[in-house]
Amino acid sequence: MADVRLETALDPVAEIAAFNARYATSGGIVTFLGQVREGGGVEALELKHYGPMTLPGMTDLARITQLRWPLDGLLIVHRHGVMHPGDPIVLVAAAARHRRDAFAAADFAMDHLKSESWFWKREKTATGWRWIEPRPEDHEDLERWR
């Protein structure tokens, strides 16, 4: 089963504890937490999205991920709105009988969220707001799955 959500707030400790409890009999559970980086003069990060595309796109990504690996469960929670350094942005957790499937599924989902997501991202520094595009490395990471 996949649990896919788009939220304005995220409590990663509670989310991970609940996911682990649901899949206590899985052989491996992998979690990835992305957060707003500290440093570099970043004061805030804002993620905007287009509702009719975002959640359906994330749900389709979960479906594809589950078709590629035999998972017991998958969690994808992505925030939108304004966040500050240290705030969580995205949580992906995968539970599987075998750890390699869980690692690969979480990695695959994150590579797609990072490069093909349905979000527009901008950061605020002392000089104002600027839009952020995926880096070439993000696209290279995605290519390895094709």
Protein backbone atom coordinates (compact mmCIF):
# COMPACT_ATOMS: atom_id res chain seq x y z
CA MET A 1 0.00 0.00 0.00
CA ALA A 2 1.15 3.53 -0.73
CA ASP A 3 0.45 6.54 1.44
CA VAL A 4 1.01 9.67 -0.65
CA ARG A 5 0.32 13.11 0.76
CA LEU A 6 0.92 16.78 0.09
CA GLU A 7 1.13 18.78 3.33
CA THR A 8 1.94 22.24 4.70
CA ALA A 9 3.57 20.73 7.81
CA LEU A 10 5.52 17.54 8.43
CA ASP A 11 6.47 15.79 11.68
CA PRO A 12 9.07 13.28 10.46
CA VAL A 13 9.51 11.58 13.84
CA ALA A 14 5.79 10.79 14.10
CA GLU A 15 5.54 9.79 10.43
CA ILE A 16 8.51 7.42 10.62
CA ALA A 17 7.31 5.86 13.89
CA ALA A 18 3.84 5.23 12.44
CA PHE A 19 5.27 3.79 9.21
CA ASN A 20 7.67 1.51 11.09
CA ALA A 21 4.81 0.29 13.31
CA ARG A 22 2.65 -0.51 10.26
CA TYR A 23 5.42 -2.56 8.67
CA ALA A 24 7.08 -4.10 11.73
CA THR A 25 7.32 -7.49 9.99
CA SER A 26 9.16 -6.16 6.93
CA GLY A 27 12.78 -7.22 6.56
CA GLY A 28 13.96 -3.70 5.75
CA ILE A 29 12.61 -0.19 6.11
CA VAL A 30 14.45 2.69 4.48
CA THR A 31 13.62 6.33 5.14
CA PHE A 32 14.88 9.48 3.49
CA LEU A 33 14.24 12.92 4.92
CA GLY A 34 15.04 15.99 2.85
CA GLN A 35 15.32 19.28 4.66
CA VAL A 36 16.07 22.93 3.94
CA ARG A 37 19.85 23.35 3.96
CA GLU A 38 21.49 25.64 6.48
CA GLY A 39 24.06 28.10 5.21
CA GLY A 40 24.66 29.78 1.90
CA GLY A 41 22.66 32.78 3.03
CA VAL A 42 19.32 31.01 2.54
CA GLU A 43 16.67 32.49 4.82
CA ALA A 44 13.66 30.64 3.45
CA LEU A 45 12.57 28.18 0.78
CA GLU A 46 9.17 28.22 -0.88
CA LEU A 47 7.60 25.39 -2.84
CA LYS A 48 4.57 26.13 -4.99
CA HIS A 49 2.57 23.59 -6.95
CA TYR A 50 -0.37 23.15 -9.29
CA GLY A 51 -2.90 21.09 -7.34
CA PRO A 52 -4.55 19.19 -10.21
CA MET A 53 -1.15 17.81 -11.25
CA THR A 54 0.86 17.45 -8.06
CA LEU A 55 -0.92 14.81 -6.00
CA PRO A 56 -1.93 12.72 -9.06
CA GLY A 57 1.68 12.86 -10.25
CA MET A 58 3.00 11.79 -6.85
CA THR A 59 0.41 9.00 -6.70
CA ASP A 60 1.48 7.77 -10.14
CA LEU A 61 5.12 7.83 -9.04
CA ALA A 62 4.17 5.66 -6.05
CA ARG A 63 2.30 3.24 -8.34
CA ILE A 64 5.30 2.94 -10.68
CA THR A 65 7.67 2.48 -7.74
CA GLN A 66 5.52 -0.33 -6.37
CA LEU A 67 5.43 -2.01 -9.77
CA ARG A 68 9.24 -2.02 -9.98
CA TRP A 69 9.96 -3.40 -6.49
CA PRO A 70 8.07 -5.84 -4.25
CA LEU A 71 7.25 -3.46 -1.42
CA ASP A 72 5.20 -4.03 1.68
CA GLY A 73 4.56 -0.28 1.96
CA LEU A 74 5.57 3.09 0.60
CA LEU A 75 5.20 6.56 2.10
CA ILE A 76 5.73 9.81 0.21
CA VAL A 77 4.96 13.05 2.05
CA HIS A 78 5.98 16.33 0.40
CA ARG A 79 5.51 19.79 1.82
CA HIS A 80 4.58 22.97 0.06
CA GLY A 81 4.64 26.56 1.25
CA VAL A 82 7.38 28.53 2.97
CA MET A 83 10.02 26.67 4.99
CA HIS A 84 13.16 27.72 6.84
CA PRO A 85 16.62 26.17 7.27
CA GLY A 86 16.36 22.88 9.14
CA ASP A 87 12.67 22.38 8.27
CA PRO A 88 11.71 19.05 6.68
CA ILE A 89 10.65 19.18 3.03
CA VAL A 90 10.06 15.60 1.93
CA LEU A 91 9.88 12.16 3.51
CA VAL A 92 10.07 8.94 1.56
CA ALA A 93 9.91 5.59 3.33
CA ALA A 94 9.88 2.14 1.76
CA ALA A 95 9.28 -1.19 3.51
CA ALA A 96 10.12 -4.49 1.85
CA ARG A 97 10.94 -8.08 2.66
CA HIS A 98 14.52 -7.43 1.55
CA ARG A 99 16.56 -4.28 2.25
CA ARG A 100 17.86 -3.80 -1.30
CA ASP A 101 14.31 -3.43 -2.62
CA ALA A 102 13.55 -0.83 0.06
CA PHE A 103 16.77 1.12 -0.67
CA ALA A 104 16.21 1.07 -4.43
CA ALA A 105 12.55 2.09 -4.19
CA ALA A 106 13.28 5.04 -1.90
CA ASP A 107 16.18 6.16 -4.11
CA PHE A 108 14.06 5.86 -7.28
CA ALA A 109 11.19 7.86 -5.76
CA MET A 110 13.51 10.62 -4.53
CA ASP A 111 15.34 10.90 -7.86
CA HIS A 112 11.99 11.40 -9.58
CA LEU A 113 10.71 13.87 -7.00
CA LYS A 114 13.94 15.89 -7.29
CA SER A 115 14.05 16.03 -11.10
CA GLU A 116 10.53 15.53 -12.43
CA SER A 117 8.47 16.95 -9.62
CA TRP A 118 5.43 19.13 -9.92
CA PHE A 119 6.82 21.87 -7.72
CA TRP A 120 8.29 25.29 -8.37
CA LYS A 121 11.01 26.10 -5.90
CA ARG A 122 12.49 29.43 -4.92
CA GLU A 123 14.78 30.55 -2.15
CA LYS A 124 15.09 33.78 -0.25
CA THR A 125 18.43 35.37 0.61
CA ALA A 126 19.34 38.88 1.75
CA THR A 127 19.07 39.99 -1.90
CA GLY A 128 15.52 38.66 -2.33
CA TRP A 129 13.83 35.65 -3.91
CA ARG A 130 15.24 33.58 -6.81
CA TRP A 131 13.84 30.55 -8.61
CA ILE A 132 15.75 27.27 -8.39
CA GLU A 133 15.98 24.75 -11.22
CA PRO A 134 17.07 21.10 -10.91
CA ARG A 135 20.85 20.73 -11.21
CA PRO A 136 22.47 18.70 -14.01
CA GLU A 137 23.37 16.09 -11.36
CA ASP A 138 19.68 15.69 -10.55
CA HIS A 139 18.92 14.83 -14.18
CA GLU A 140 21.90 12.43 -14.28
CA ASP A 141 20.59 10.66 -11.20
CA LEU A 142 17.24 10.22 -12.91
CA GLU A 143 18.80 8.86 -16.12
CA ARG A 144 20.18 5.79 -14.38
CA TRP A 145 16.63 4.51 -13.91
CA ARG A 146 15.74 4.61 -17.62
